[in-house]
Every structure is written in structure tokens, then in C-alpha cells.
Amino acid sequence: MRCQFETIARMPEQDQQLVRGVLDALIFKNQARAMTRVTESEKQLARKDSKKG
């Protein structure tokens, strides 16, 4: 990745902004997916707890 970032650093500013936008979108997508997994896990735990009590 270091080589890729060095290459990006030599790109015109407009291209760098595009790369940043793509990276931001991918990071956001993965964070949202992780939050969804946590939420689903919490729902499953809540269901198990409600069955016990």
C-alpha cells in the first residue's frame, strides 16, 4: 500500500480528491456494516435474555 500512496501523492489534486472520496466511501461502508453486525448481535442477546426471564 505504501507504493500506492506514494503514487497517489504524485497525482494531480483532482485525482487525489477522487481517491480520497473512494476511500472515504469504502471506510464508511465497512463501518456501517460493522455497526449493523453489532446491532444484530445485541438483538439476538436481547431475545435470548427475554426467553430466560
C-alpha atoms as a PDB file:
ATOM      1  CA  MET A   1       0.000   0.000   0.000  1.00  0.00           C
ATOM      2  CA  ARG A   2       2.908   2.323   0.651  1.00  0.00           C
ATOM      3  CA  CYS A   3       3.787   2.292  -3.045  1.00  0.00           C
ATOM      4  CA  GLN A   4       0.164   3.031  -3.901  1.00  0.00           C
ATOM      5  CA  PHE A   5       0.031   6.001  -1.531  1.00  0.00           C
ATOM      6  CA  GLU A   6       3.303   7.329  -2.895  1.00  0.00           C
ATOM      7  CA  THR A   7       1.871   7.097  -6.407  1.00  0.00           C
ATOM      8  CA  ILE A   8      -1.304   8.874  -5.312  1.00  0.00           C
ATOM      9  CA  ALA A   9       0.800  11.649  -3.741  1.00  0.00           C
ATOM     10  CA  ARG A  10       2.252  12.376  -7.186  1.00  0.00           C
ATOM     11  CA  MET A  11      -1.178  12.598  -8.844  1.00  0.00           C
ATOM     12  CA  PRO A  12      -2.898  15.892  -9.646  1.00  0.00           C
ATOM     13  CA  GLU A  13      -5.005  17.290  -6.788  1.00  0.00           C
ATOM     14  CA  GLN A  14      -8.268  16.495  -8.585  1.00  0.00           C
ATOM     15  CA  ASP A  15      -7.309  12.811  -8.848  1.00  0.00           C
ATOM     16  CA  GLN A  16      -6.205  12.768  -5.206  1.00  0.00           C
ATOM     17  CA  GLN A  17      -9.610  14.110  -4.187  1.00  0.00           C
ATOM     18  CA  LEU A  18     -11.279  11.343  -6.177  1.00  0.00           C
ATOM     19  CA  VAL A  19      -9.135   8.707  -4.460  1.00  0.00           C
ATOM     20  CA  ARG A  20      -9.968  10.216  -1.043  1.00  0.00           C
ATOM     21  CA  GLY A  21     -13.657  10.103  -1.900  1.00  0.00           C
ATOM     22  CA  VAL A  22     -13.471   6.440  -2.871  1.00  0.00           C
ATOM     23  CA  LEU A  23     -11.527   5.575   0.292  1.00  0.00           C
ATOM     24  CA  ASP A  24     -13.968   7.530   2.475  1.00  0.00           C
ATOM     25  CA  ALA A  25     -16.904   5.711   0.874  1.00  0.00           C
ATOM     26  CA  LEU A  26     -15.317   2.299   1.454  1.00  0.00           C
ATOM     27  CA  ILE A  27     -14.448   3.151   5.054  1.00  0.00           C
ATOM     28  CA  PHE A  28     -17.991   4.384   5.683  1.00  0.00           C
ATOM     29  CA  LYS A  29     -19.440   1.234   4.101  1.00  0.00           C
ATOM     30  CA  ASN A  30     -17.322  -1.033   6.292  1.00  0.00           C
ATOM     31  CA  GLN A  31     -18.093   0.942   9.455  1.00  0.00           C
ATOM     32  CA  ALA A  32     -21.813   0.767   8.697  1.00  0.00           C
ATOM     33  CA  ARG A  33     -21.546  -2.980   8.121  1.00  0.00           C
ATOM     34  CA  ALA A  34     -19.723  -3.407  11.446  1.00  0.00           C
ATOM     35  CA  MET A  35     -22.365  -1.361  13.267  1.00  0.00           C
ATOM     36  CA  THR A  36     -25.092  -3.498  11.696  1.00  0.00           C
ATOM     37  CA  ARG A  37     -23.374  -6.663  12.926  1.00  0.00           C
ATOM     38  CA  VAL A  38     -23.149  -5.243  16.459  1.00  0.00           C
ATOM     39  CA  THR A  39     -26.809  -4.235  16.381  1.00  0.00           C
ATOM     40  CA  GLU A  40     -27.849  -7.690  15.165  1.00  0.00           C
ATOM     41  CA  SER A  41     -25.769  -9.319  17.914  1.00  0.00           C
ATOM     42  CA  GLU A  42     -27.398  -7.094  20.526  1.00  0.00           C
ATOM     43  CA  LYS A  43     -30.850  -8.029  19.217  1.00  0.00           C
ATOM     44  CA  GLN A  44     -30.001 -11.722  19.438  1.00  0.00           C
ATOM     45  CA  LEU A  45     -28.763 -11.315  23.020  1.00  0.00           C
ATOM     46  CA  ALA A  46     -31.910  -9.409  23.958  1.00  0.00           C
ATOM     47  CA  ARG A  47     -34.068 -12.203  22.510  1.00  0.00           C
ATOM     48  CA  LYS A  48     -32.138 -14.821  24.492  1.00  0.00           C
ATOM     49  CA  ASP A  49     -32.476 -12.767  27.690  1.00  0.00           C
ATOM     50  CA  SER A  50     -36.223 -12.310  27.197  1.00  0.00           C
ATOM     51  CA  LYS A  51     -36.677 -16.063  26.770  1.00  0.00           C
ATOM     52  CA  LYS A  52     -34.845 -16.724  30.052  1.00  0.00           C
ATOM     53  CA  GLY A  53     -36.847 -14.293  32.126  1.00  0.00           C
END
